[in-house]
Amino acid sequence: MNSREKDIDFNKTIAYWTEGAAYDLDAAQGLFEKRKYPYALFFGHLALEKILKALVVKATKHHAPYTHSLPVLVSKVTFDIPEETKVKLARYMEFFIEARYPQEQKEFYKKCTKKFVTDNLTEIGKIYQWLKEKL
């Protein structure tokens, strides 16, 4: 633990990430209802990112790394994550990158049908809940 981290209230930091994750998952649902499908998935990714950051802080007693990479965050938790879930989390990186960068947006938007987004948000919700239970 570095000198900056020794005075940090890690329970407060975990709460910060957990509350942010819940808010973003709710935002994803609201965006879905407004048919803003690419952004619903983007916020679904953010919810998973933040719940993973809470788990990393809990496990390491250090601040979460400055990354949006779900696979990087998964590598820092101290419990086993099923391989199938790791594969899904890696695939969800598409929702972060392609929802954000103009050159990728057009193709991604075409992919974001109601069914595609419904299926992915449902799965994101299940993974989010499973991760939350690990806290």
Protein backbone atom coordinates (compact mmCIF):
# COMPACT_ATOMS: atom_id res chain seq x y z
CA MET A 1 0.00 0.00 0.00
CA ASN A 2 1.48 3.32 -0.95
CA SER A 3 1.43 6.37 1.31
CA ARG A 4 -1.58 7.87 -0.50
CA GLU A 5 -3.64 4.74 0.05
CA LYS A 6 -2.94 4.19 3.75
CA ASP A 7 -5.43 6.88 4.77
CA ILE A 8 -8.15 5.85 2.33
CA ASP A 9 -11.44 4.44 3.62
CA PHE A 10 -11.73 1.43 1.33
CA ASN A 11 -15.28 0.64 2.49
CA LYS A 12 -16.25 4.09 1.25
CA THR A 13 -14.44 3.46 -2.02
CA ILE A 14 -16.23 0.12 -2.46
CA ALA A 15 -19.55 1.86 -1.78
CA TYR A 16 -18.67 4.52 -4.36
CA TRP A 17 -18.12 1.91 -7.07
CA THR A 18 -21.12 -0.18 -6.01
CA GLU A 19 -23.50 2.78 -6.02
CA GLY A 20 -22.18 3.91 -9.38
CA ALA A 21 -22.67 0.43 -10.81
CA ALA A 22 -26.29 0.27 -9.63
CA TYR A 23 -26.97 3.73 -11.05
CA ASP A 24 -25.46 2.81 -14.42
CA LEU A 25 -27.43 -0.43 -14.64
CA ASP A 26 -30.60 1.55 -13.99
CA ALA A 27 -29.53 4.08 -16.64
CA ALA A 28 -29.00 1.21 -19.09
CA GLN A 29 -32.58 0.11 -18.53
CA GLY A 30 -33.88 3.66 -18.99
CA LEU A 31 -31.92 4.05 -22.21
CA PHE A 32 -33.29 0.73 -23.44
CA GLU A 33 -36.83 1.88 -22.74
CA LYS A 34 -36.14 5.05 -24.75
CA ARG A 35 -34.78 2.82 -27.56
CA LYS A 36 -31.28 4.28 -27.23
CA TYR A 37 -29.92 0.78 -27.71
CA PRO A 38 -26.19 1.36 -28.25
CA TYR A 39 -26.04 3.57 -25.17
CA ALA A 40 -28.01 1.07 -23.12
CA LEU A 41 -25.24 -1.44 -23.81
CA PHE A 42 -22.57 1.17 -23.12
CA PHE A 43 -24.07 1.79 -19.67
CA GLY A 44 -24.41 -1.96 -19.13
CA HIS A 45 -20.66 -2.19 -19.70
CA LEU A 46 -20.10 0.67 -17.22
CA ALA A 47 -22.18 -1.13 -14.58
CA LEU A 48 -20.05 -4.26 -14.93
CA GLU A 49 -16.86 -2.22 -14.92
CA LYS A 50 -17.80 -0.48 -11.69
CA ILE A 51 -18.97 -3.59 -9.84
CA LEU A 52 -15.69 -5.26 -10.85
CA LYS A 53 -13.76 -2.23 -9.57
CA ALA A 54 -15.56 -2.57 -6.23
CA LEU A 55 -14.50 -6.22 -6.11
CA VAL A 56 -10.91 -5.35 -7.00
CA VAL A 57 -10.75 -2.77 -4.21
CA LYS A 58 -12.23 -5.26 -1.76
CA ALA A 59 -9.72 -7.95 -2.76
CA THR A 60 -6.59 -5.84 -2.99
CA LYS A 61 -7.16 -2.96 -0.53
CA HIS A 62 -5.81 -0.74 -3.30
CA HIS A 63 -7.56 1.60 -5.66
CA ALA A 64 -8.94 -0.02 -8.77
CA PRO A 65 -6.74 0.38 -11.83
CA TYR A 66 -7.46 3.16 -14.30
CA THR A 67 -8.91 0.95 -17.00
CA HIS A 68 -12.18 0.25 -18.73
CA SER A 69 -11.06 -3.27 -19.62
CA LEU A 70 -13.33 -5.88 -18.10
CA PRO A 71 -10.77 -8.67 -18.72
CA VAL A 72 -8.07 -6.68 -16.89
CA LEU A 73 -10.40 -6.15 -13.93
CA VAL A 74 -11.40 -9.82 -13.93
CA SER A 75 -7.71 -10.76 -13.68
CA LYS A 76 -7.46 -8.84 -10.41
CA VAL A 77 -10.34 -10.40 -8.44
CA THR A 78 -9.56 -13.17 -5.99
CA PHE A 79 -12.34 -15.62 -6.76
CA ASP A 80 -12.91 -17.89 -9.72
CA ILE A 81 -15.02 -16.58 -12.54
CA PRO A 82 -16.37 -19.24 -14.91
CA GLU A 83 -14.69 -19.26 -18.31
CA GLU A 84 -18.04 -18.69 -20.05
CA THR A 85 -18.52 -15.49 -18.03
CA LYS A 86 -14.99 -14.31 -18.82
CA VAL A 87 -15.69 -14.78 -22.51
CA LYS A 88 -18.88 -12.74 -22.26
CA LEU A 89 -17.14 -9.98 -20.34
CA ALA A 90 -14.44 -9.81 -23.01
CA ARG A 91 -17.13 -9.63 -25.70
CA TYR A 92 -18.84 -6.76 -23.85
CA MET A 93 -15.76 -4.60 -24.48
CA GLU A 94 -17.37 -4.00 -27.87
CA PHE A 95 -20.12 -2.05 -26.08
CA PHE A 96 -17.61 0.34 -24.58
CA ILE A 97 -15.37 0.92 -27.57
CA GLU A 98 -17.80 0.74 -30.46
CA ALA A 99 -20.48 2.82 -28.76
CA ARG A 100 -17.93 5.60 -28.29
CA TYR A 101 -15.77 6.01 -31.32
CA PRO A 102 -17.28 7.44 -34.53
CA GLN A 103 -15.54 5.15 -36.98
CA GLU A 104 -17.01 2.12 -35.20
CA GLN A 105 -20.45 3.52 -34.39
CA LYS A 106 -22.23 2.98 -37.69
CA GLU A 107 -21.67 -0.77 -37.80
CA PHE A 108 -22.34 -1.14 -34.10
CA TYR A 109 -25.61 0.80 -34.35
CA LYS A 110 -26.80 -1.56 -37.10
CA LYS A 111 -26.10 -4.50 -34.82
CA CYS A 112 -28.10 -3.02 -31.93
CA THR A 113 -31.53 -4.40 -32.71
CA LYS A 114 -34.07 -4.65 -29.92
CA LYS A 115 -33.48 -8.43 -29.67
CA PHE A 116 -29.68 -8.10 -29.63
CA VAL A 117 -29.82 -5.49 -26.88
CA THR A 118 -32.51 -7.32 -24.89
CA ASP A 119 -30.47 -10.53 -24.92
CA ASN A 120 -27.25 -8.77 -23.93
CA LEU A 121 -28.79 -6.57 -21.24
CA THR A 122 -30.48 -9.61 -19.72
CA GLU A 123 -27.14 -11.40 -19.58
CA ILE A 124 -25.38 -8.29 -18.24
CA GLY A 125 -27.98 -8.12 -15.48
CA LYS A 126 -27.37 -11.75 -14.50
CA ILE A 127 -23.60 -11.30 -14.44
CA TYR A 128 -23.94 -8.03 -12.51
CA GLN A 129 -26.12 -9.75 -9.89
CA TRP A 130 -23.69 -12.67 -9.59
CA LEU A 131 -20.75 -10.29 -9.14
CA LYS A 132 -22.67 -8.17 -6.63
CA GLU A 133 -23.28 -11.26 -4.51
CA LYS A 134 -19.49 -11.71 -4.30
CA LEU A 135 -19.20 -8.41 -2.41
